[in-house]
Amino acid sequence: METILSLDEEHDQYIWLQMGWQKYHRVHGVTLHLRLHEDKIWIEQDWTENGIATDLLKAGVANEDIVLGFRHPERRSLSKFAVA
């Protein structure tokens, strides 16, 4: 397995990919996709063990500056994070 980081600072997008083989099964997937949009951190995909939002909060990022982009817009208000 390879871990690939794609850091696109020009477009403020950051992607962590896993790719390779697990026995006879091809793996190619996004572990984490973050982007900076409208002065907020959008978490578009997060398959990390504890969730990147937890790490962002521990680092001092405010709840209202984090958007769970992987959640449907109507359901975002049910979380403690920004709606958009």
PDB file of N, CA and C in Angstrom:
ATOM      1  N   MET A   1       0.847  -1.187   0.000  1.00  0.00           N
ATOM      2  CA  MET A   1       0.000   0.000   0.000  1.00  0.00           C
ATOM      3  C   MET A   1       0.883   1.237   0.000  1.00  0.00           C
ATOM      4  N   GLU A   2       0.433   2.226  -0.740  1.00  0.00           N
ATOM      5  CA  GLU A   2       1.111   3.517  -0.775  1.00  0.00           C
ATOM      6  C   GLU A   2       0.186   4.578  -0.208  1.00  0.00           C
ATOM      7  N   THR A   3       0.774   5.505   0.520  1.00  0.00           N
ATOM      8  CA  THR A   3       0.058   6.683   0.982  1.00  0.00           C
ATOM      9  C   THR A   3       0.513   7.836   0.119  1.00  0.00           C
ATOM     10  N   ILE A   4      -0.451   8.537  -0.461  1.00  0.00           N
ATOM     11  CA  ILE A   4      -0.135   9.651  -1.346  1.00  0.00           C
ATOM     12  C   ILE A   4      -0.831  10.890  -0.824  1.00  0.00           C
ATOM     13  N   LEU A   5      -0.067  11.951  -0.658  1.00  0.00           N
ATOM     14  CA  LEU A   5      -0.626  13.234  -0.251  1.00  0.00           C
ATOM     15  C   LEU A   5      -0.629  14.157  -1.459  1.00  0.00           C
ATOM     16  N   SER A   6      -1.769  14.746  -1.731  1.00  0.00           N
ATOM     17  CA  SER A   6      -1.894  15.710  -2.815  1.00  0.00           C
ATOM     18  C   SER A   6      -2.245  17.049  -2.165  1.00  0.00           C
ATOM     19  N   LEU A   7      -1.281  17.956  -2.176  1.00  0.00           N
ATOM     20  CA  LEU A   7      -1.439  19.248  -1.521  1.00  0.00           C
ATOM     21  C   LEU A   7      -1.528  20.328  -2.591  1.00  0.00           C
ATOM     22  N   ASP A   8      -2.717  20.784  -2.865  1.00  0.00           N
ATOM     23  CA  ASP A   8      -2.950  21.790  -3.894  1.00  0.00           C
ATOM     24  C   ASP A   8      -3.208  23.125  -3.205  1.00  0.00           C
ATOM     25  N   GLU A   9      -2.128  23.828  -2.903  1.00  0.00           N
ATOM     26  CA  GLU A   9      -2.253  25.094  -2.190  1.00  0.00           C
ATOM     27  C   GLU A   9      -2.856  26.193  -3.065  1.00  0.00           C
ATOM     28  N   GLU A  10      -2.714  26.077  -4.373  1.00  0.00           N
ATOM     29  CA  GLU A  10      -3.302  27.073  -5.268  1.00  0.00           C
ATOM     30  C   GLU A  10      -4.825  27.078  -5.170  1.00  0.00           C
ATOM     31  N   HIS A  11      -5.418  25.880  -5.020  1.00  0.00           N
ATOM     32  CA  HIS A  11      -6.868  25.752  -4.931  1.00  0.00           C
ATOM     33  C   HIS A  11      -7.340  25.406  -3.518  1.00  0.00           C
ATOM     34  N   ASP A  12      -6.428  25.403  -2.558  1.00  0.00           N
ATOM     35  CA  ASP A  12      -6.740  25.108  -1.152  1.00  0.00           C
ATOM     36  C   ASP A  12      -7.461  23.776  -0.980  1.00  0.00           C
ATOM     37  N   GLN A  13      -6.909  22.716  -1.608  1.00  0.00           N
ATOM     38  CA  GLN A  13      -7.457  21.371  -1.482  1.00  0.00           C
ATOM     39  C   GLN A  13      -6.342  20.432  -1.047  1.00  0.00           C
ATOM     40  N   TYR A  14      -6.662  19.538  -0.123  1.00  0.00           N
ATOM     41  CA  TYR A  14      -5.667  18.638   0.451  1.00  0.00           C
ATOM     42  C   TYR A  14      -6.270  17.241   0.522  1.00  0.00           C
ATOM     43  N   ILE A  15      -5.619  16.291  -0.134  1.00  0.00           N
ATOM     44  CA  ILE A  15      -6.158  14.933  -0.247  1.00  0.00           C
ATOM     45  C   ILE A  15      -5.104  13.921   0.184  1.00  0.00           C
ATOM     46  N   TRP A  16      -5.552  12.950   0.964  1.00  0.00           N
ATOM     47  CA  TRP A  16      -4.724  11.838   1.407  1.00  0.00           C
ATOM     48  C   TRP A  16      -5.338  10.583   0.799  1.00  0.00           C
ATOM     49  N   LEU A  17      -4.570   9.915  -0.074  1.00  0.00           N
ATOM     50  CA  LEU A  17      -5.035   8.713  -0.774  1.00  0.00           C
ATOM     51  C   LEU A  17      -4.282   7.482  -0.297  1.00  0.00           C
ATOM     52  N   GLN A  18      -4.952   6.372  -0.374  1.00  0.00           N
ATOM     53  CA  GLN A  18      -4.323   5.072  -0.168  1.00  0.00           C
ATOM     54  C   GLN A  18      -4.508   4.302  -1.476  1.00  0.00           C
ATOM     55  N   MET A  19      -3.430   3.728  -1.968  1.00  0.00           N
ATOM     56  CA  MET A  19      -3.585   2.905  -3.161  1.00  0.00           C
ATOM     57  C   MET A  19      -2.569   1.780  -3.157  1.00  0.00           C
ATOM     58  N   GLY A  20      -2.953   0.717  -3.813  1.00  0.00           N
ATOM     59  CA  GLY A  20      -2.105  -0.462  -3.878  1.00  0.00           C
ATOM     60  C   GLY A  20      -2.964  -1.707  -3.925  1.00  0.00           C
ATOM     61  N   TRP A  21      -2.415  -2.779  -3.384  1.00  0.00           N
ATOM     62  CA  TRP A  21      -3.107  -4.069  -3.423  1.00  0.00           C
ATOM     63  C   TRP A  21      -3.179  -4.669  -2.029  1.00  0.00           C
ATOM     64  N   GLN A  22      -4.319  -5.236  -1.711  1.00  0.00           N
ATOM     65  CA  GLN A  22      -4.485  -6.061  -0.523  1.00  0.00           C
ATOM     66  C   GLN A  22      -4.837  -7.447  -1.047  1.00  0.00           C
ATOM     67  N   LYS A  23      -3.818  -8.297  -1.066  1.00  0.00           N
ATOM     68  CA  LYS A  23      -3.902  -9.610  -1.708  1.00  0.00           C
ATOM     69  C   LYS A  23      -4.293  -9.414  -3.165  1.00  0.00           C
ATOM     70  N   TYR A  24      -5.497  -9.825  -3.567  1.00  0.00           N
ATOM     71  CA  TYR A  24      -5.918  -9.726  -4.967  1.00  0.00           C
ATOM     72  C   TYR A  24      -6.908  -8.582  -5.198  1.00  0.00           C
ATOM     73  N   HIS A  25      -7.076  -7.749  -4.207  1.00  0.00           N
ATOM     74  CA  HIS A  25      -8.054  -6.659  -4.280  1.00  0.00           C
ATOM     75  C   HIS A  25      -7.335  -5.322  -4.443  1.00  0.00           C
ATOM     76  N   ARG A  26      -7.704  -4.583  -5.478  1.00  0.00           N
ATOM     77  CA  ARG A  26      -7.130  -3.265  -5.741  1.00  0.00           C
ATOM     78  C   ARG A  26      -7.755  -2.246  -4.797  1.00  0.00           C
ATOM     79  N   VAL A  27      -6.910  -1.461  -4.159  1.00  0.00           N
ATOM     80  CA  VAL A  27      -7.362  -0.404  -3.265  1.00  0.00           C
ATOM     81  C   VAL A  27      -6.935   0.924  -3.866  1.00  0.00           C
ATOM     82  N   HIS A  28      -7.886   1.807  -4.019  1.00  0.00           N
ATOM     83  CA  HIS A  28      -7.611   3.165  -4.481  1.00  0.00           C
ATOM     84  C   HIS A  28      -8.708   4.033  -3.900  1.00  0.00           C
ATOM     85  N   GLY A  29      -8.411   4.699  -2.809  1.00  0.00           N
ATOM     86  CA  GLY A  29      -9.465   5.466  -2.166  1.00  0.00           C
ATOM     87  C   GLY A  29      -8.952   6.668  -1.415  1.00  0.00           C
ATOM     88  N   VAL A  30      -9.862   7.582  -1.195  1.00  0.00           N
ATOM     89  CA  VAL A  30      -9.567   8.813  -0.461  1.00  0.00           C
ATOM     90  C   VAL A  30      -9.760   8.542   1.026  1.00  0.00           C
ATOM     91  N   THR A  31      -8.696   8.746   1.787  1.00  0.00           N
ATOM     92  CA  THR A  31      -8.786   8.638   3.239  1.00  0.00           C
ATOM     93  C   THR A  31      -9.261   9.954   3.830  1.00  0.00           C
ATOM     94  N   LEU A  32      -8.750  11.053   3.290  1.00  0.00           N
ATOM     95  CA  LEU A  32      -9.099  12.370   3.821  1.00  0.00           C
ATOM     96  C   LEU A  32      -9.075  13.396   2.701  1.00  0.00           C
ATOM     97  N   HIS A  33     -10.096  14.233   2.657  1.00  0.00           N
ATOM     98  CA  HIS A  33     -10.145  15.327   1.689  1.00  0.00           C
ATOM     99  C   HIS A  33     -10.607  16.575   2.433  1.00  0.00           C
ATOM    100  N   LEU A  34      -9.726  17.557   2.514  1.00  0.00           N
ATOM    101  CA  LEU A  34     -10.039  18.845   3.134  1.00  0.00           C
ATOM    102  C   LEU A  34      -9.936  19.930   2.089  1.00  0.00           C
ATOM    103  N   ARG A  35     -10.741  20.957   2.251  1.00  0.00           N
ATOM    104  CA  ARG A  35     -10.568  22.133   1.408  1.00  0.00           C
ATOM    105  C   ARG A  35     -10.930  23.372   2.207  1.00  0.00           C
ATOM    106  N   LEU A  36     -10.288  24.456   1.861  1.00  0.00           N
ATOM    107  CA  LEU A  36     -10.593  25.740   2.475  1.00  0.00           C
ATOM    108  C   LEU A  36     -11.535  26.463   1.525  1.00  0.00           C
ATOM    109  N   HIS A  37     -12.706  26.834   2.049  1.00  0.00           N
ATOM    110  CA  HIS A  37     -13.728  27.447   1.210  1.00  0.00           C
ATOM    111  C   HIS A  37     -14.523  28.430   2.051  1.00  0.00           C
ATOM    112  N   GLU A  38     -14.618  29.664   1.582  1.00  0.00           N
ATOM    113  CA  GLU A  38     -15.372  30.715   2.265  1.00  0.00           C
ATOM    114  C   GLU A  38     -14.959  30.845   3.733  1.00  0.00           C
ATOM    115  N   ASP A  39     -13.641  30.866   3.959  1.00  0.00           N
ATOM    116  CA  ASP A  39     -13.046  31.055   5.295  1.00  0.00           C
ATOM    117  C   ASP A  39     -13.378  29.947   6.288  1.00  0.00           C
ATOM    118  N   LYS A  40     -13.708  28.767   5.781  1.00  0.00           N
ATOM    119  CA  LYS A  40     -13.981  27.624   6.651  1.00  0.00           C
ATOM    120  C   LYS A  40     -13.206  26.405   6.151  1.00  0.00           C
ATOM    121  N   ILE A  41     -12.991  25.465   7.044  1.00  0.00           N
ATOM    122  CA  ILE A  41     -12.374  24.188   6.684  1.00  0.00           C
ATOM    123  C   ILE A  41     -13.497  23.209   6.392  1.00  0.00           C
ATOM    124  N   TRP A  42     -13.574  22.783   5.153  1.00  0.00           N
ATOM    125  CA  TRP A  42     -14.588  21.817   4.739  1.00  0.00           C
ATOM    126  C   TRP A  42     -13.975  20.423   4.758  1.00  0.00           C
ATOM    127  N   ILE A  43     -14.565  19.532   5.517  1.00  0.00           N
ATOM    128  CA  ILE A  43     -14.149  18.134   5.548  1.00  0.00           C
ATOM    129  C   ILE A  43     -15.054  17.404   4.562  1.00  0.00           C
ATOM    130  N   GLU A  44     -14.516  17.097   3.389  1.00  0.00           N
ATOM    131  CA  GLU A  44     -15.301  16.482   2.322  1.00  0.00           C
ATOM    132  C   GLU A  44     -15.343  14.958   2.426  1.00  0.00           C
ATOM    133  N   GLN A  45     -14.300  14.385   3.008  1.00  0.00           N
ATOM    134  CA  GLN A  45     -14.215  12.926   3.196  1.00  0.00           C
ATOM    135  C   GLN A  45     -13.298  12.703   4.383  1.00  0.00           C
ATOM    136  N   ASP A  46     -13.672  11.787   5.254  1.00  0.00           N
ATOM    137  CA  ASP A  46     -12.826  11.519   6.421  1.00  0.00           C
ATOM    138  C   ASP A  46     -13.002  10.077   6.871  1.00  0.00           C
ATOM    139  N   TRP A  47     -11.989   9.274   6.571  1.00  0.00           N
ATOM    140  CA  TRP A  47     -11.965   7.881   7.007  1.00  0.00           C
ATOM    141  C   TRP A  47     -10.827   7.651   7.994  1.00  0.00           C
ATOM    142  N   THR A  48     -10.412   8.714   8.692  1.00  0.00           N
ATOM    143  CA  THR A  48      -9.371   8.564   9.709  1.00  0.00           C
ATOM    144  C   THR A  48      -9.987   7.942  10.959  1.00  0.00           C
ATOM    145  N   GLU A  49      -9.155   7.373  11.783  1.00  0.00           N
ATOM    146  CA  GLU A  49      -9.637   6.612  12.933  1.00  0.00           C
ATOM    147  C   GLU A  49     -10.489   7.447  13.896  1.00  0.00           C
ATOM    148  N   ASN A  50     -10.002   8.619  14.283  1.00  0.00           N
ATOM    149  CA  ASN A  50     -10.713   9.442  15.257  1.00  0.00           C
ATOM    150  C   ASN A  50     -11.445  10.632  14.640  1.00  0.00           C
ATOM    151  N   GLY A  51     -11.277  10.844  13.357  1.00  0.00           N
ATOM    152  CA  GLY A  51     -11.893  11.986  12.699  1.00  0.00           C
ATOM    153  C   GLY A  51     -11.010  13.218  12.796  1.00  0.00           C
ATOM    154  N   ILE A  52     -10.759  13.837  11.669  1.00  0.00           N
ATOM    155  CA  ILE A  52      -9.881  15.002  11.629  1.00  0.00           C
ATOM    156  C   ILE A  52     -10.489  16.181  12.385  1.00  0.00           C
ATOM    157  N   ALA A  53     -11.810  16.257  12.485  1.00  0.00           N
ATOM    158  CA  ALA A  53     -12.452  17.347  13.224  1.00  0.00           C
ATOM    159  C   ALA A  53     -11.980  17.364  14.672  1.00  0.00           C
ATOM    160  N   THR A  54     -11.806  16.198  15.265  1.00  0.00           N
ATOM    161  CA  THR A  54     -11.308  16.109  16.637  1.00  0.00           C
ATOM    162  C   THR A  54      -9.931  16.742  16.754  1.00  0.00           C
ATOM    163  N   ASP A  55      -9.062  16.440  15.802  1.00  0.00           N
ATOM    164  CA  ASP A  55      -7.717  17.023  15.814  1.00  0.00           C
ATOM    165  C   ASP A  55      -7.754  18.526  15.587  1.00  0.00           C
ATOM    166  N   LEU A  56      -8.637  18.975  14.700  1.00  0.00           N
ATOM    167  CA  LEU A  56      -8.755  20.411  14.449  1.00  0.00           C
ATOM    168  C   LEU A  56      -9.225  21.146  15.705  1.00  0.00           C
ATOM    169  N   LEU A  57     -10.193  20.578  16.405  1.00  0.00           N
ATOM    170  CA  LEU A  57     -10.674  21.196  17.643  1.00  0.00           C
ATOM    171  C   LEU A  57      -9.566  21.249  18.695  1.00  0.00           C
ATOM    172  N   LYS A  58      -8.811  20.168  18.836  1.00  0.00           N
ATOM    173  CA  LYS A  58      -7.692  20.146  19.788  1.00  0.00           C
ATOM    174  C   LYS A  58      -6.625  21.175  19.427  1.00  0.00           C
ATOM    175  N   ALA A  59      -6.493  21.478  18.126  1.00  0.00           N
ATOM    176  CA  ALA A  59      -5.504  22.461  17.664  1.00  0.00           C
ATOM    177  C   ALA A  59      -6.018  23.896  17.811  1.00  0.00           C
ATOM    178  N   GLY A  60      -7.253  24.052  18.278  1.00  0.00           N
ATOM    179  CA  GLY A  60      -7.782  25.390  18.525  1.00  0.00           C
ATOM    180  C   GLY A  60      -8.692  25.949  17.458  1.00  0.00           C
ATOM    181  N   VAL A  61      -9.037  25.155  16.453  1.00  0.00           N
ATOM    182  CA  VAL A  61      -9.976  25.616  15.423  1.00  0.00           C
ATOM    183  C   VAL A  61     -11.378  25.602  16.035  1.00  0.00           C
ATOM    184  N   ALA A  62     -12.103  26.681  15.856  1.00  0.00           N
ATOM    185  CA  ALA A  62     -13.453  26.797  16.423  1.00  0.00           C
ATOM    186  C   ALA A  62     -14.451  25.935  15.653  1.00  0.00           C
ATOM    187  N   ASN A  63     -15.457  25.431  16.367  1.00  0.00           N
ATOM    188  CA  ASN A  63     -16.509  24.607  15.748  1.00  0.00           C
ATOM    189  C   ASN A  63     -17.128  25.297  14.544  1.00  0.00           C
ATOM    190  N   GLU A  64     -17.362  26.590  14.668  1.00  0.00           N
ATOM    191  CA  GLU A  64     -18.045  27.322  13.597  1.00  0.00           C
ATOM    192  C   GLU A  64     -17.169  27.540  12.364  1.00  0.00           C
ATOM    193  N   ASP A  65     -15.902  27.129  12.439  1.00  0.00           N
ATOM    194  CA  ASP A  65     -15.000  27.223  11.288  1.00  0.00           C
ATOM    195  C   ASP A  65     -14.804  25.888  10.575  1.00  0.00           C
ATOM    196  N   ILE A  66     -15.551  24.869  11.000  1.00  0.00           N
ATOM    197  CA  ILE A  66     -15.447  23.525  10.422  1.00  0.00           C
ATOM    198  C   ILE A  66     -16.804  23.139   9.839  1.00  0.00           C
ATOM    199  N   VAL A  67     -16.804  22.708   8.586  1.00  0.00           N
ATOM    200  CA  VAL A  67     -18.032  22.241   7.936  1.00  0.00           C
ATOM    201  C   VAL A  67     -17.855  20.762   7.592  1.00  0.00           C
ATOM    202  N   LEU A  68     -18.818  19.957   7.986  1.00  0.00           N
ATOM    203  CA  LEU A  68     -18.798  18.543   7.631  1.00  0.00           C
ATOM    204  C   LEU A  68     -19.447  18.399   6.262  1.00  0.00           C
ATOM    205  N   GLY A  69     -18.644  18.619   5.229  1.00  0.00           N
ATOM    206  CA  GLY A  69     -19.140  18.622   3.862  1.00  0.00           C
ATOM    207  C   GLY A  69     -19.679  17.282   3.403  1.00  0.00           C
ATOM    208  N   PHE A  70     -19.289  16.203   4.069  1.00  0.00           N
ATOM    209  CA  PHE A  70     -19.767  14.872   3.689  1.00  0.00           C
ATOM    210  C   PHE A  70     -21.190  14.612   4.191  1.00  0.00           C
ATOM    211  N   ARG A  71     -21.708  15.506   5.032  1.00  0.00           N
ATOM    212  CA  ARG A  71     -23.086  15.369   5.510  1.00  0.00           C
ATOM    213  C   ARG A  71     -24.025  16.170   4.623  1.00  0.00           C
ATOM    214  N   HIS A  72     -25.216  15.664   4.430  1.00  0.00           N
ATOM    215  CA  HIS A  72     -26.222  16.380   3.643  1.00  0.00           C
ATOM    216  C   HIS A  72     -26.457  17.752   4.291  1.00  0.00           C
ATOM    217  N   PRO A  73     -26.610  18.808   3.485  1.00  0.00           N
ATOM    218  CA  PRO A  73     -26.792  20.152   4.037  1.00  0.00           C
ATOM    219  C   PRO A  73     -27.924  20.268   5.067  1.00  0.00           C
ATOM    220  N   GLU A  74     -29.004  19.538   4.883  1.00  0.00           N
ATOM    221  CA  GLU A  74     -30.118  19.600   5.833  1.00  0.00           C
ATOM    222  C   GLU A  74     -29.788  18.943   7.172  1.00  0.00           C
ATOM    223  N   ARG A  75     -28.791  18.081   7.193  1.00  0.00           N
ATOM    224  CA  ARG A  75     -28.443  17.362   8.426  1.00  0.00           C
ATOM    225  C   ARG A  75     -27.278  18.011   9.172  1.00  0.00           C
ATOM    226  N   ARG A  76     -26.613  18.958   8.540  1.00  0.00           N
ATOM    227  CA  ARG A  76     -25.462  19.600   9.188  1.00  0.00           C
ATOM    228  C   ARG A  76     -25.850  20.341  10.455  1.00  0.00           C
ATOM    229  N   SER A  77     -27.043  20.873  10.499  1.00  0.00           N
ATOM    230  CA  SER A  77     -27.476  21.623  11.685  1.00  0.00           C
ATOM    231  C   SER A  77     -27.611  20.737  12.912  1.00  0.00           C
ATOM    232  N   LEU A  78     -27.617  19.424  12.733  1.00  0.00           N
ATOM    233  CA  LEU A  78     -27.713  18.489  13.857  1.00  0.00           C
ATOM    234  C   LEU A  78     -26.375  18.274  14.550  1.00  0.00           C
ATOM    235  N   SER A  79     -25.290  18.792  13.944  1.00  0.00           N
ATOM    236  CA  SER A  79     -23.965  18.642  14.540  1.00  0.00           C
ATOM    237  C   SER A  79     -23.588  19.932  15.260  1.00  0.00           C
ATOM    238  N   LYS A  80     -22.462  19.888  15.941  1.00  0.00           N
ATOM    239  CA  LYS A  80     -21.971  21.084  16.649  1.00  0.00           C
ATOM    240  C   LYS A  80     -21.085  21.949  15.752  1.00  0.00           C
ATOM    241  N   PHE A  81     -21.048  21.634  14.467  1.00  0.00           N
ATOM    242  CA  PHE A  81     -20.185  22.344  13.536  1.00  0.00           C
ATOM    243  C   PHE A  81     -20.989  23.298  12.655  1.00  0.00           C
ATOM    244  N   ALA A  82     -20.263  24.075  11.842  1.00  0.00           N
ATOM    245  CA  ALA A  82     -20.895  25.054  10.956  1.00  0.00           C
ATOM    246  C   ALA A  82     -21.788  24.366   9.940  1.00  0.00           C
ATOM    247  N   VAL A  83     -22.839  25.061   9.529  1.00  0.00           N
ATOM    248  CA  VAL A  83     -23.757  24.541   8.527  1.00  0.00           C
ATOM    249  C   VAL A  83     -23.152  24.708   7.147  1.00  0.00           C
ATOM    250  N   ALA A  84     -22.496  25.834   6.897  1.00  0.00           N
ATOM    251  CA  ALA A  84     -21.794  26.108   5.637  1.00  0.00           C
ATOM    252  C   ALA A  84     -21.032  27.405   5.762  1.00  0.00           C
TER     253      ALA A  84
END
